[in-house]
Amino acid sequence: MEDRIYTMVREADWRAAEAAGAYAGSADDARDGFLHFSTAAQLRASAAKHRAGVADLWLLEVDARRLGPALRWEAAAGGSRPGLFPHLYAQLPLSVVLAATRLPLGADGRHDFPPQIP
């Protein structure tokens, strides 16, 4: 599986995580029982489906190798999207976050991703 995985976090949740030293997840994560992540190849589609038009996002790049057995690669709910997605069944310690970057919206309303995202 991938060494680097990504998640999109709202500004207020990111600030709370910085204060706590760990990211506990969004309301969607709490509902589903795990933190949602994507690979670089999955990220644009995930943003379009789940975060379209959300302006206050941060993109977290995470070292998947350091997450241990709490990280599981699973199919999307209902098989709605092909491939396996990284799901973390624990809080995300900030010590494994490699980069946190603002994820602005472009003029077209889509998120402007950094160059490493295809």
PDB file of N, CA and C in Angstrom:
ATOM      1  N   MET A   1       0.825  -1.173   0.000  1.00  0.00           N
ATOM      2  CA  MET A   1       0.000   0.000   0.000  1.00  0.00           C
ATOM      3  C   MET A   1       0.883   1.256   0.000  1.00  0.00           C
ATOM      4  N   GLU A   2       0.260   2.388  -0.040  1.00  0.00           N
ATOM      5  CA  GLU A   2       0.965   3.676  -0.142  1.00  0.00           C
ATOM      6  C   GLU A   2       1.687   4.042   1.155  1.00  0.00           C
ATOM      7  N   ASP A   3       2.839   4.722   1.012  1.00  0.00           N
ATOM      8  CA  ASP A   3       3.577   5.208   2.177  1.00  0.00           C
ATOM      9  C   ASP A   3       3.026   6.529   2.695  1.00  0.00           C
ATOM     10  N   ARG A   4       2.420   7.317   1.786  1.00  0.00           N
ATOM     11  CA  ARG A   4       1.860   8.611   2.164  1.00  0.00           C
ATOM     12  C   ARG A   4       0.369   8.627   1.854  1.00  0.00           C
ATOM     13  N   ILE A   5      -0.402   9.072   2.841  1.00  0.00           N
ATOM     14  CA  ILE A   5      -1.842   9.191   2.662  1.00  0.00           C
ATOM     15  C   ILE A   5      -2.249  10.605   3.061  1.00  0.00           C
ATOM     16  N   TYR A   6      -3.478  10.975   2.699  1.00  0.00           N
ATOM     17  CA  TYR A   6      -3.917  12.367   2.852  1.00  0.00           C
ATOM     18  C   TYR A   6      -5.317  12.428   3.436  1.00  0.00           C
ATOM     19  N   THR A   7      -5.558  13.501   4.183  1.00  0.00           N
ATOM     20  CA  THR A   7      -6.901  13.809   4.638  1.00  0.00           C
ATOM     21  C   THR A   7      -7.097  15.316   4.595  1.00  0.00           C
ATOM     22  N   MET A   8      -8.351  15.726   4.456  1.00  0.00           N
ATOM     23  CA  MET A   8      -8.702  17.142   4.405  1.00  0.00           C
ATOM     24  C   MET A   8      -9.421  17.490   5.697  1.00  0.00           C
ATOM     25  N   VAL A   9      -8.934  18.527   6.365  1.00  0.00           N
ATOM     26  CA  VAL A   9      -9.392  18.871   7.704  1.00  0.00           C
ATOM     27  C   VAL A   9      -9.848  20.327   7.718  1.00  0.00           C
ATOM     28  N   ARG A  10     -11.001  20.580   8.316  1.00  0.00           N
ATOM     29  CA  ARG A  10     -11.471  21.958   8.456  1.00  0.00           C
ATOM     30  C   ARG A  10     -10.544  22.738   9.400  1.00  0.00           C
ATOM     31  N   GLU A  11     -10.451  24.027   9.156  1.00  0.00           N
ATOM     32  CA  GLU A  11      -9.564  24.912   9.923  1.00  0.00           C
ATOM     33  C   GLU A  11      -9.749  24.757  11.433  1.00  0.00           C
ATOM     34  N   ALA A  12     -10.973  24.829  11.928  1.00  0.00           N
ATOM     35  CA  ALA A  12     -11.214  24.747  13.370  1.00  0.00           C
ATOM     36  C   ALA A  12     -10.756  23.394  13.924  1.00  0.00           C
ATOM     37  N   ASP A  13     -10.982  22.322  13.172  1.00  0.00           N
ATOM     38  CA  ASP A  13     -10.553  20.994  13.616  1.00  0.00           C
ATOM     39  C   ASP A  13      -9.030  20.884  13.628  1.00  0.00           C
ATOM     40  N   TRP A  14      -8.379  21.512  12.652  1.00  0.00           N
ATOM     41  CA  TRP A  14      -6.916  21.489  12.607  1.00  0.00           C
ATOM     42  C   TRP A  14      -6.342  22.259  13.790  1.00  0.00           C
ATOM     43  N   ARG A  15      -6.907  23.415  14.102  1.00  0.00           N
ATOM     44  CA  ARG A  15      -6.431  24.207  15.253  1.00  0.00           C
ATOM     45  C   ARG A  15      -6.621  23.423  16.555  1.00  0.00           C
ATOM     46  N   ALA A  16      -7.750  22.728  16.690  1.00  0.00           N
ATOM     47  CA  ALA A  16      -7.986  21.907  17.880  1.00  0.00           C
ATOM     48  C   ALA A  16      -6.972  20.769  17.960  1.00  0.00           C
ATOM     49  N   ALA A  17      -6.654  20.175  16.823  1.00  0.00           N
ATOM     50  CA  ALA A  17      -5.665  19.092  16.786  1.00  0.00           C
ATOM     51  C   ALA A  17      -4.285  19.604  17.185  1.00  0.00           C
ATOM     52  N   GLU A  18      -3.916  20.786  16.698  1.00  0.00           N
ATOM     53  CA  GLU A  18      -2.625  21.368  17.082  1.00  0.00           C
ATOM     54  C   GLU A  18      -2.540  21.562  18.589  1.00  0.00           C
ATOM     55  N   ALA A  19      -3.619  22.011  19.192  1.00  0.00           N
ATOM     56  CA  ALA A  19      -3.632  22.232  20.643  1.00  0.00           C
ATOM     57  C   ALA A  19      -3.573  20.913  21.414  1.00  0.00           C
ATOM     58  N   ALA A  20      -4.229  19.870  20.870  1.00  0.00           N
ATOM     59  CA  ALA A  20      -4.318  18.580  21.566  1.00  0.00           C
ATOM     60  C   ALA A  20      -3.158  17.648  21.253  1.00  0.00           C
ATOM     61  N   GLY A  21      -2.457  17.878  20.129  1.00  0.00           N
ATOM     62  CA  GLY A  21      -1.384  16.983  19.714  1.00  0.00           C
ATOM     63  C   GLY A  21      -1.845  15.796  18.896  1.00  0.00           C
ATOM     64  N   ALA A  22      -3.156  15.753  18.605  1.00  0.00           N
ATOM     65  CA  ALA A  22      -3.722  14.660  17.804  1.00  0.00           C
ATOM     66  C   ALA A  22      -5.014  15.145  17.160  1.00  0.00           C
ATOM     67  N   TYR A  23      -5.311  14.576  15.996  1.00  0.00           N
ATOM     68  CA  TYR A  23      -6.557  14.883  15.298  1.00  0.00           C
ATOM     69  C   TYR A  23      -7.550  13.771  15.593  1.00  0.00           C
ATOM     70  N   ALA A  24      -8.695  14.146  16.184  1.00  0.00           N
ATOM     71  CA  ALA A  24      -9.707  13.163  16.579  1.00  0.00           C
ATOM     72  C   ALA A  24     -10.694  12.860  15.472  1.00  0.00           C
ATOM     73  N   GLY A  25     -10.714  13.666  14.406  1.00  0.00           N
ATOM     74  CA  GLY A  25     -11.601  13.399  13.283  1.00  0.00           C
ATOM     75  C   GLY A  25     -12.755  14.372  13.199  1.00  0.00           C
ATOM     76  N   SER A  26     -13.444  14.293  12.083  1.00  0.00           N
ATOM     77  CA  SER A  26     -14.599  15.143  11.802  1.00  0.00           C
ATOM     78  C   SER A  26     -15.874  14.468  12.311  1.00  0.00           C
ATOM     79  N   ALA A  27     -16.995  15.147  12.153  1.00  0.00           N
ATOM     80  CA  ALA A  27     -18.286  14.540  12.497  1.00  0.00           C
ATOM     81  C   ALA A  27     -18.530  13.297  11.639  1.00  0.00           C
ATOM     82  N   ASP A  28     -18.137  13.340  10.358  1.00  0.00           N
ATOM     83  CA  ASP A  28     -18.286  12.171   9.483  1.00  0.00           C
ATOM     84  C   ASP A  28     -17.431  11.005   9.983  1.00  0.00           C
ATOM     85  N   ASP A  29     -16.207  11.314  10.428  1.00  0.00           N
ATOM     86  CA  ASP A  29     -15.333  10.271  10.965  1.00  0.00           C
ATOM     87  C   ASP A  29     -15.962   9.628  12.207  1.00  0.00           C
ATOM     88  N   ALA A  30     -16.490  10.465  13.099  1.00  0.00           N
ATOM     89  CA  ALA A  30     -17.118   9.949  14.326  1.00  0.00           C
ATOM     90  C   ALA A  30     -18.305   9.052  13.981  1.00  0.00           C
ATOM     91  N   ARG A  31     -19.099   9.471  13.013  1.00  0.00           N
ATOM     92  CA  ARG A  31     -20.262   8.681  12.592  1.00  0.00           C
ATOM     93  C   ARG A  31     -19.836   7.311  12.059  1.00  0.00           C
ATOM     94  N   ASP A  32     -18.754   7.293  11.263  1.00  0.00           N
ATOM     95  CA  ASP A  32     -18.323   6.058  10.607  1.00  0.00           C
ATOM     96  C   ASP A  32     -17.402   5.194  11.473  1.00  0.00           C
ATOM     97  N   GLY A  33     -16.837   5.767  12.529  1.00  0.00           N
ATOM     98  CA  GLY A  33     -15.993   4.996  13.431  1.00  0.00           C
ATOM     99  C   GLY A  33     -14.535   4.917  13.034  1.00  0.00           C
ATOM    100  N   PHE A  34     -14.115   5.729  12.082  1.00  0.00           N
ATOM    101  CA  PHE A  34     -12.716   5.764  11.648  1.00  0.00           C
ATOM    102  C   PHE A  34     -12.436   7.096  10.958  1.00  0.00           C
ATOM    103  N   LEU A  35     -11.154   7.446  10.839  1.00  0.00           N
ATOM    104  CA  LEU A  35     -10.745   8.647  10.116  1.00  0.00           C
ATOM    105  C   LEU A  35     -10.570   8.288   8.646  1.00  0.00           C
ATOM    106  N   HIS A  36     -11.165   9.092   7.781  1.00  0.00           N
ATOM    107  CA  HIS A  36     -11.107   8.866   6.330  1.00  0.00           C
ATOM    108  C   HIS A  36      -9.834   9.463   5.749  1.00  0.00           C
ATOM    109  N   PHE A  37      -9.136   8.677   4.956  1.00  0.00           N
ATOM    110  CA  PHE A  37      -7.951   9.128   4.227  1.00  0.00           C
ATOM    111  C   PHE A  37      -8.090   8.739   2.767  1.00  0.00           C
ATOM    112  N   SER A  38      -7.218   9.304   1.941  1.00  0.00           N
ATOM    113  CA  SER A  38      -7.141   8.961   0.523  1.00  0.00           C
ATOM    114  C   SER A  38      -5.680   8.844   0.135  1.00  0.00           C
ATOM    115  N   THR A  39      -5.428   8.111  -0.925  1.00  0.00           N
ATOM    116  CA  THR A  39      -4.107   8.136  -1.539  1.00  0.00           C
ATOM    117  C   THR A  39      -4.024   9.398  -2.400  1.00  0.00           C
ATOM    118  N   ALA A  40      -2.837   9.709  -2.894  1.00  0.00           N
ATOM    119  CA  ALA A  40      -2.691  10.872  -3.776  1.00  0.00           C
ATOM    120  C   ALA A  40      -3.589  10.728  -5.002  1.00  0.00           C
ATOM    121  N   ALA A  41      -3.676   9.520  -5.548  1.00  0.00           N
ATOM    122  CA  ALA A  41      -4.485   9.284  -6.750  1.00  0.00           C
ATOM    123  C   ALA A  41      -5.984   9.393  -6.478  1.00  0.00           C
ATOM    124  N   GLN A  42      -6.422   9.169  -5.245  1.00  0.00           N
ATOM    125  CA  GLN A  42      -7.843   9.206  -4.897  1.00  0.00           C
ATOM    126  C   GLN A  42      -8.303  10.583  -4.420  1.00  0.00           C
ATOM    127  N   LEU A  43      -7.376  11.454  -4.097  1.00  0.00           N
ATOM    128  CA  LEU A  43      -7.697  12.674  -3.358  1.00  0.00           C
ATOM    129  C   LEU A  43      -8.602  13.646  -4.101  1.00  0.00           C
ATOM    130  N   ARG A  44      -8.341  13.899  -5.361  1.00  0.00           N
ATOM    131  CA  ARG A  44      -9.171  14.857  -6.106  1.00  0.00           C
ATOM    132  C   ARG A  44     -10.630  14.406  -6.166  1.00  0.00           C
ATOM    133  N   ALA A  45     -10.852  13.126  -6.424  1.00  0.00           N
ATOM    134  CA  ALA A  45     -12.223  12.615  -6.480  1.00  0.00           C
ATOM    135  C   ALA A  45     -12.887  12.691  -5.109  1.00  0.00           C
ATOM    136  N   SER A  46     -12.134  12.408  -4.044  1.00  0.00           N
ATOM    137  CA  SER A  46     -12.687  12.505  -2.691  1.00  0.00           C
ATOM    138  C   SER A  46     -13.062  13.942  -2.364  1.00  0.00           C
ATOM    139  N   ALA A  47     -12.210  14.888  -2.749  1.00  0.00           N
ATOM    140  CA  ALA A  47     -12.503  16.302  -2.497  1.00  0.00           C
ATOM    141  C   ALA A  47     -13.759  16.734  -3.243  1.00  0.00           C
ATOM    142  N   ALA A  48     -13.870  16.323  -4.495  1.00  0.00           N
ATOM    143  CA  ALA A  48     -15.038  16.699  -5.307  1.00  0.00           C
ATOM    144  C   ALA A  48     -16.321  16.101  -4.743  1.00  0.00           C
ATOM    145  N   LYS A  49     -16.231  14.895  -4.218  1.00  0.00           N
ATOM    146  CA  LYS A  49     -17.437  14.220  -3.715  1.00  0.00           C
ATOM    147  C   LYS A  49     -17.828  14.680  -2.310  1.00  0.00           C
ATOM    148  N   HIS A  50     -16.826  14.869  -1.432  1.00  0.00           N
ATOM    149  CA  HIS A  50     -17.128  15.091  -0.020  1.00  0.00           C
ATOM    150  C   HIS A  50     -16.818  16.496   0.495  1.00  0.00           C
ATOM    151  N   ARG A  51     -16.027  17.271  -0.239  1.00  0.00           N
ATOM    152  CA  ARG A  51     -15.617  18.595   0.253  1.00  0.00           C
ATOM    153  C   ARG A  51     -15.803  19.698  -0.782  1.00  0.00           C
ATOM    154  N   ALA A  52     -16.635  19.476  -1.769  1.00  0.00           N
ATOM    155  CA  ALA A  52     -16.841  20.462  -2.838  1.00  0.00           C
ATOM    156  C   ALA A  52     -17.256  21.820  -2.255  1.00  0.00           C
ATOM    157  N   GLY A  53     -16.531  22.858  -2.649  1.00  0.00           N
ATOM    158  CA  GLY A  53     -16.858  24.216  -2.244  1.00  0.00           C
ATOM    159  C   GLY A  53     -16.468  24.588  -0.827  1.00  0.00           C
ATOM    160  N   VAL A  54     -15.861  23.686  -0.062  1.00  0.00           N
ATOM    161  CA  VAL A  54     -15.461  23.993   1.313  1.00  0.00           C
ATOM    162  C   VAL A  54     -14.151  24.774   1.272  1.00  0.00           C
ATOM    163  N   ALA A  55     -14.193  25.995   1.785  1.00  0.00           N
ATOM    164  CA  ALA A  55     -13.060  26.911   1.634  1.00  0.00           C
ATOM    165  C   ALA A  55     -12.054  26.866   2.775  1.00  0.00           C
ATOM    166  N   ASP A  56     -12.407  26.317   3.922  1.00  0.00           N
ATOM    167  CA  ASP A  56     -11.512  26.420   5.087  1.00  0.00           C
ATOM    168  C   ASP A  56     -10.760  25.119   5.369  1.00  0.00           C
ATOM    169  N   LEU A  57     -10.248  24.470   4.334  1.00  0.00           N
ATOM    170  CA  LEU A  57      -9.607  23.165   4.505  1.00  0.00           C
ATOM    171  C   LEU A  57      -8.083  23.245   4.584  1.00  0.00           C
ATOM    172  N   TRP A  58      -7.543  22.302   5.319  1.00  0.00           N
ATOM    173  CA  TRP A  58      -6.110  22.021   5.342  1.00  0.00           C
ATOM    174  C   TRP A  58      -5.926  20.605   4.803  1.00  0.00           C
ATOM    175  N   LEU A  59      -4.881  20.414   4.030  1.00  0.00           N
ATOM    176  CA  LEU A  59      -4.515  19.098   3.521  1.00  0.00           C
ATOM    177  C   LEU A  59      -3.392  18.558   4.396  1.00  0.00           C
ATOM    178  N   LEU A  60      -3.631  17.396   5.003  1.00  0.00           N
ATOM    179  CA  LEU A  60      -2.606  16.749   5.820  1.00  0.00           C
ATOM    180  C   LEU A  60      -1.991  15.602   5.044  1.00  0.00           C
ATOM    181  N   GLU A  61      -0.682  15.617   4.950  1.00  0.00           N
ATOM    182  CA  GLU A  61       0.082  14.517   4.351  1.00  0.00           C
ATOM    183  C   GLU A  61       0.659  13.704   5.503  1.00  0.00           C
ATOM    184  N   VAL A  62       0.377  12.399   5.509  1.00  0.00           N
ATOM    185  CA  VAL A  62       0.668  11.555   6.660  1.00  0.00           C
ATOM    186  C   VAL A  62       1.563  10.388   6.258  1.00  0.00           C
ATOM    187  N   ASP A  63       2.499  10.045   7.137  1.00  0.00           N
ATOM    188  CA  ASP A  63       3.365   8.883   6.951  1.00  0.00           C
ATOM    189  C   ASP A  63       2.592   7.635   7.371  1.00  0.00           C
ATOM    190  N   ALA A  64       2.036   6.933   6.406  1.00  0.00           N
ATOM    191  CA  ALA A  64       1.196   5.767   6.675  1.00  0.00           C
ATOM    192  C   ALA A  64       1.972   4.647   7.366  1.00  0.00           C
ATOM    193  N   ARG A  65       3.263   4.559   7.121  1.00  0.00           N
ATOM    194  CA  ARG A  65       4.072   3.478   7.700  1.00  0.00           C
ATOM    195  C   ARG A  65       4.126   3.545   9.217  1.00  0.00           C
ATOM    196  N   ARG A  66       3.886   4.724   9.774  1.00  0.00           N
ATOM    197  CA  ARG A  66       4.003   4.903  11.224  1.00  0.00           C
ATOM    198  C   ARG A  66       2.668   4.753  11.956  1.00  0.00           C
ATOM    199  N   LEU A  67       1.613   4.368  11.258  1.00  0.00           N
ATOM    200  CA  LEU A  67       0.299   4.275  11.888  1.00  0.00           C
ATOM    201  C   LEU A  67      -0.020   2.893  12.451  1.00  0.00           C
ATOM    202  N   GLY A  68       0.746   1.896  12.065  1.00  0.00           N
ATOM    203  CA  GLY A  68       0.581   0.564  12.627  1.00  0.00           C
ATOM    204  C   GLY A  68      -0.734  -0.103  12.248  1.00  0.00           C
ATOM    205  N   PRO A  69      -1.161  -1.073  13.058  1.00  0.00           N
ATOM    206  CA  PRO A  69      -2.344  -1.874  12.713  1.00  0.00           C
ATOM    207  C   PRO A  69      -3.663  -1.107  12.786  1.00  0.00           C
ATOM    208  N   ALA A  70      -3.674   0.100  13.339  1.00  0.00           N
ATOM    209  CA  ALA A  70      -4.911   0.898  13.376  1.00  0.00           C
ATOM    210  C   ALA A  70      -5.290   1.394  11.982  1.00  0.00           C
ATOM    211  N   LEU A  71      -4.336   1.349  11.035  1.00  0.00           N
ATOM    212  CA  LEU A  71      -4.608   1.739   9.647  1.00  0.00           C
ATOM    213  C   LEU A  71      -5.019   0.496   8.865  1.00  0.00           C
ATOM    214  N   ARG A  72      -6.206   0.573   8.266  1.00  0.00           N
ATOM    215  CA  ARG A  72      -6.712  -0.547   7.468  1.00  0.00           C
ATOM    216  C   ARG A  72      -7.077  -0.038   6.074  1.00  0.00           C
ATOM    217  N   TRP A  73      -6.835  -0.861   5.075  1.00  0.00           N
ATOM    218  CA  TRP A  73      -7.165  -0.549   3.687  1.00  0.00           C
ATOM    219  C   TRP A  73      -8.455  -1.271   3.350  1.00  0.00           C
ATOM    220  N   GLU A  74      -9.516  -0.489   3.098  1.00  0.00           N
ATOM    221  CA  GLU A  74     -10.847  -1.064   2.936  1.00  0.00           C
ATOM    222  C   GLU A  74     -11.578  -0.449   1.748  1.00  0.00           C
ATOM    223  N   ALA A  75     -12.563  -1.178   1.255  1.00  0.00           N
ATOM    224  CA  ALA A  75     -13.405  -0.662   0.175  1.00  0.00           C
ATOM    225  C   ALA A  75     -14.285   0.462   0.714  1.00  0.00           C
ATOM    226  N   ALA A  76     -14.664   1.366  -0.170  1.00  0.00           N
ATOM    227  CA  ALA A  76     -15.590   2.435   0.199  1.00  0.00           C
ATOM    228  C   ALA A  76     -16.942   1.832   0.556  1.00  0.00           C
ATOM    229  N   ALA A  77     -17.671   2.509   1.409  1.00  0.00           N
ATOM    230  CA  ALA A  77     -18.992   2.035   1.827  1.00  0.00           C
ATOM    231  C   ALA A  77     -19.874   1.787   0.612  1.00  0.00           C
ATOM    232  N   GLY A  78     -20.485   0.642   0.571  1.00  0.00           N
ATOM    233  CA  GLY A  78     -21.384   0.311  -0.525  1.00  0.00           C
ATOM    234  C   GLY A  78     -20.678   0.052  -1.843  1.00  0.00           C
ATOM    235  N   GLY A  79     -19.330  -0.002  -1.820  1.00  0.00           N
ATOM    236  CA  GLY A  79     -18.578  -0.227  -3.043  1.00  0.00           C
ATOM    237  C   GLY A  79     -18.764   0.872  -4.072  1.00  0.00           C
ATOM    238  N   SER A  80     -19.050   2.103  -3.587  1.00  0.00           N
ATOM    239  CA  SER A  80     -19.369   3.205  -4.496  1.00  0.00           C
ATOM    240  C   SER A  80     -18.176   3.708  -5.296  1.00  0.00           C
ATOM    241  N   ARG A  81     -16.966   3.421  -4.836  1.00  0.00           N
ATOM    242  CA  ARG A  81     -15.776   3.852  -5.566  1.00  0.00           C
ATOM    243  C   ARG A  81     -14.784   2.698  -5.615  1.00  0.00           C
ATOM    244  N   PRO A  82     -14.106   2.539  -6.739  1.00  0.00           N
ATOM    245  CA  PRO A  82     -13.167   1.418  -6.866  1.00  0.00           C
ATOM    246  C   PRO A  82     -11.910   1.623  -6.034  1.00  0.00           C
ATOM    247  N   GLY A  83     -11.287   0.532  -5.697  1.00  0.00           N
ATOM    248  CA  GLY A  83     -10.029   0.581  -4.968  1.00  0.00           C
ATOM    249  C   GLY A  83     -10.232   0.530  -3.465  1.00  0.00           C
ATOM    250  N   LEU A  84      -9.122   0.405  -2.759  1.00  0.00           N
ATOM    251  CA  LEU A  84      -9.139   0.374  -1.303  1.00  0.00           C
ATOM    252  C   LEU A  84      -8.743   1.749  -0.776  1.00  0.00           C
ATOM    253  N   PHE A  85      -9.397   2.156   0.308  1.00  0.00           N
ATOM    254  CA  PHE A  85      -9.136   3.449   0.923  1.00  0.00           C
ATOM    255  C   PHE A  85      -8.521   3.244   2.301  1.00  0.00           C
ATOM    256  N   PRO A  86      -7.584   4.111   2.692  1.00  0.00           N
ATOM    257  CA  PRO A  86      -6.996   4.018   4.028  1.00  0.00           C
ATOM    258  C   PRO A  86      -7.953   4.585   5.080  1.00  0.00           C
ATOM    259  N   HIS A  87      -8.232   3.776   6.087  1.00  0.00           N
ATOM    260  CA  HIS A  87      -9.095   4.168   7.200  1.00  0.00           C
ATOM    261  C   HIS A  87      -8.294   3.979   8.489  1.00  0.00           C
ATOM    262  N   LEU A  88      -8.284   4.999   9.329  1.00  0.00           N
ATOM    263  CA  LEU A  88      -7.541   4.933  10.588  1.00  0.00           C
ATOM    264  C   LEU A  88      -8.516   4.774  11.746  1.00  0.00           C
ATOM    265  N   TYR A  89      -8.380   3.687  12.473  1.00  0.00           N
ATOM    266  CA  TYR A  89      -9.245   3.378  13.611  1.00  0.00           C
ATOM    267  C   TYR A  89      -8.569   3.825  14.910  1.00  0.00           C
ATOM    268  N   ALA A  90      -8.187   5.081  14.938  1.00  0.00           N
ATOM    269  CA  ALA A  90      -7.542   5.703  16.099  1.00  0.00           C
ATOM    270  C   ALA A  90      -7.448   7.197  15.808  1.00  0.00           C
ATOM    271  N   GLN A  91      -7.072   7.965  16.814  1.00  0.00           N
ATOM    272  CA  GLN A  91      -6.766   9.366  16.559  1.00  0.00           C
ATOM    273  C   GLN A  91      -5.465   9.446  15.771  1.00  0.00           C
ATOM    274  N   LEU A  92      -5.299  10.541  15.044  1.00  0.00           N
ATOM    275  CA  LEU A  92      -4.089  10.761  14.254  1.00  0.00           C
ATOM    276  C   LEU A  92      -3.100  11.577  15.078  1.00  0.00           C
ATOM    277  N   PRO A  93      -1.989  10.964  15.511  1.00  0.00           N
ATOM    278  CA  PRO A  93      -0.991  11.747  16.247  1.00  0.00           C
ATOM    279  C   PRO A  93      -0.292  12.717  15.287  1.00  0.00           C
ATOM    280  N   LEU A  94      -0.118  13.946  15.716  1.00  0.00           N
ATOM    281  CA  LEU A  94       0.496  14.941  14.827  1.00  0.00           C
ATOM    282  C   LEU A  94       1.954  14.622  14.523  1.00  0.00           C
ATOM    283  N   SER A  95       2.564  13.740  15.298  1.00  0.00           N
ATOM    284  CA  SER A  95       3.956  13.354  15.050  1.00  0.00           C
ATOM    285  C   SER A  95       4.134  12.610  13.732  1.00  0.00           C
ATOM    286  N   VAL A  96       3.058  12.088  13.136  1.00  0.00           N
ATOM    287  CA  VAL A  96       3.155  11.376  11.858  1.00  0.00           C
ATOM    288  C   VAL A  96       2.707  12.242  10.678  1.00  0.00           C
ATOM    289  N   VAL A  97       2.316  13.490  10.948  1.00  0.00           N
ATOM    290  CA  VAL A  97       1.923  14.414   9.883  1.00  0.00           C
ATOM    291  C   VAL A  97       3.186  15.002   9.273  1.00  0.00           C
ATOM    292  N   LEU A  98       3.411  14.728   8.002  1.00  0.00           N
ATOM    293  CA  LEU A  98       4.602  15.202   7.297  1.00  0.00           C
ATOM    294  C   LEU A  98       4.457  16.647   6.833  1.00  0.00           C
ATOM    295  N   ALA A  99       3.228  17.035   6.492  1.00  0.00           N
ATOM    296  CA  ALA A  99       2.968  18.406   6.032  1.00  0.00           C
ATOM    297  C   ALA A  99       1.503  18.741   6.246  1.00  0.00           C
ATOM    298  N   ALA A 100       1.259  19.995   6.580  1.00  0.00           N
ATOM    299  CA  ALA A 100      -0.098  20.535   6.679  1.00  0.00           C
ATOM    300  C   ALA A 100      -0.115  21.796   5.823  1.00  0.00           C
ATOM    301  N   THR A 101      -0.947  21.778   4.786  1.00  0.00           N
ATOM    302  CA  THR A 101      -0.974  22.850   3.794  1.00  0.00           C
ATOM    303  C   THR A 101      -2.398  23.343   3.612  1.00  0.00           C
ATOM    304  N   ARG A 102      -2.563  24.653   3.567  1.00  0.00           N
ATOM    305  CA  ARG A 102      -3.891  25.187   3.246  1.00  0.00           C
ATOM    306  C   ARG A 102      -4.304  24.661   1.874  1.00  0.00           C
ATOM    307  N   LEU A 103      -5.596  24.383   1.732  1.00  0.00           N
ATOM    308  CA  LEU A 103      -6.123  23.844   0.484  1.00  0.00           C
ATOM    309  C   LEU A 103      -7.152  24.844  -0.060  1.00  0.00           C
ATOM    310  N   PRO A 104      -6.676  25.843  -0.797  1.00  0.00           N
ATOM    311  CA  PRO A 104      -7.580  26.907  -1.259  1.00  0.00           C
ATOM    312  C   PRO A 104      -8.473  26.450  -2.403  1.00  0.00           C
ATOM    313  N   LEU A 105      -9.541  27.200  -2.575  1.00  0.00           N
ATOM    314  CA  LEU A 105     -10.415  26.995  -3.724  1.00  0.00           C
ATOM    315  C   LEU A 105      -9.915  27.848  -4.876  1.00  0.00           C
ATOM    316  N   GLY A 106      -9.908  27.278  -6.075  1.00  0.00           N
ATOM    317  CA  GLY A 106      -9.548  28.019  -7.271  1.00  0.00           C
ATOM    318  C   GLY A 106     -10.729  28.823  -7.785  1.00  0.00           C
ATOM    319  N   ALA A 107     -10.491  29.592  -8.821  1.00  0.00           N
ATOM    320  CA  ALA A 107     -11.543  30.417  -9.428  1.00  0.00           C
ATOM    321  C   ALA A 107     -12.707  29.563  -9.935  1.00  0.00           C
ATOM    322  N   ASP A 108     -12.419  28.304 -10.283  1.00  0.00           N
ATOM    323  CA  ASP A 108     -13.467  27.406 -10.781  1.00  0.00           C
ATOM    324  C   ASP A 108     -14.242  26.714  -9.658  1.00  0.00           C
ATOM    325  N   GLY A 109     -13.904  27.017  -8.398  1.00  0.00           N
ATOM    326  CA  GLY A 109     -14.592  26.415  -7.262  1.00  0.00           C
ATOM    327  C   GLY A 109     -14.032  25.077  -6.827  1.00  0.00           C
ATOM    328  N   ARG A 110     -13.019  24.589  -7.538  1.00  0.00           N
ATOM    329  CA  ARG A 110     -12.366  23.332  -7.161  1.00  0.00           C
ATOM    330  C   ARG A 110     -11.128  23.640  -6.333  1.00  0.00           C
ATOM    331  N   HIS A 111     -10.722  22.688  -5.542  1.00  0.00           N
ATOM    332  CA  HIS A 111      -9.546  22.884  -4.690  1.00  0.00           C
ATOM    333  C   HIS A 111      -8.262  22.894  -5.518  1.00  0.00           C
ATOM    334  N   ASP A 112      -7.343  23.769  -5.140  1.00  0.00           N
ATOM    335  CA  ASP A 112      -6.026  23.850  -5.781  1.00  0.00           C
ATOM    336  C   ASP A 112      -5.057  22.986  -4.968  1.00  0.00           C
ATOM    337  N   PHE A 113      -4.705  21.830  -5.514  1.00  0.00           N
ATOM    338  CA  PHE A 113      -3.842  20.883  -4.819  1.00  0.00           C
ATOM    339  C   PHE A 113      -2.369  21.174  -5.078  1.00  0.00           C
ATOM    340  N   PRO A 114      -1.516  20.793  -4.135  1.00  0.00           N
ATOM    341  CA  PRO A 114      -0.070  20.933  -4.352  1.00  0.00           C
ATOM    342  C   PRO A 114       0.397  20.010  -5.480  1.00  0.00           C
ATOM    343  N   PRO A 115       1.585  20.248  -6.005  1.00  0.00           N
ATOM    344  CA  PRO A 115       2.063  19.514  -7.189  1.00  0.00           C
ATOM    345  C   PRO A 115       2.171  17.996  -7.030  1.00  0.00           C
ATOM    346  N   GLN A 116       2.353  17.485  -5.833  1.00  0.00           N
ATOM    347  CA  GLN A 116       2.505  16.021  -5.671  1.00  0.00           C
ATOM    348  C   GLN A 116       1.193  15.266  -5.839  1.00  0.00           C
ATOM    349  N   ILE A 117       0.069  15.994  -5.940  1.00  0.00           N
ATOM    350  CA  ILE A 117      -1.228  15.348  -6.109  1.00  0.00           C
ATOM    351  C   ILE A 117      -1.555  15.320  -7.603  1.00  0.00           C
ATOM    352  N   PRO A 118      -1.672  14.119  -8.190  1.00  0.00           N
ATOM    353  CA  PRO A 118      -1.917  14.029  -9.638  1.00  0.00           C
ATOM    354  C   PRO A 118      -3.296  14.546 -10.044  1.00  0.00           C
TER     355      PRO A 118
END
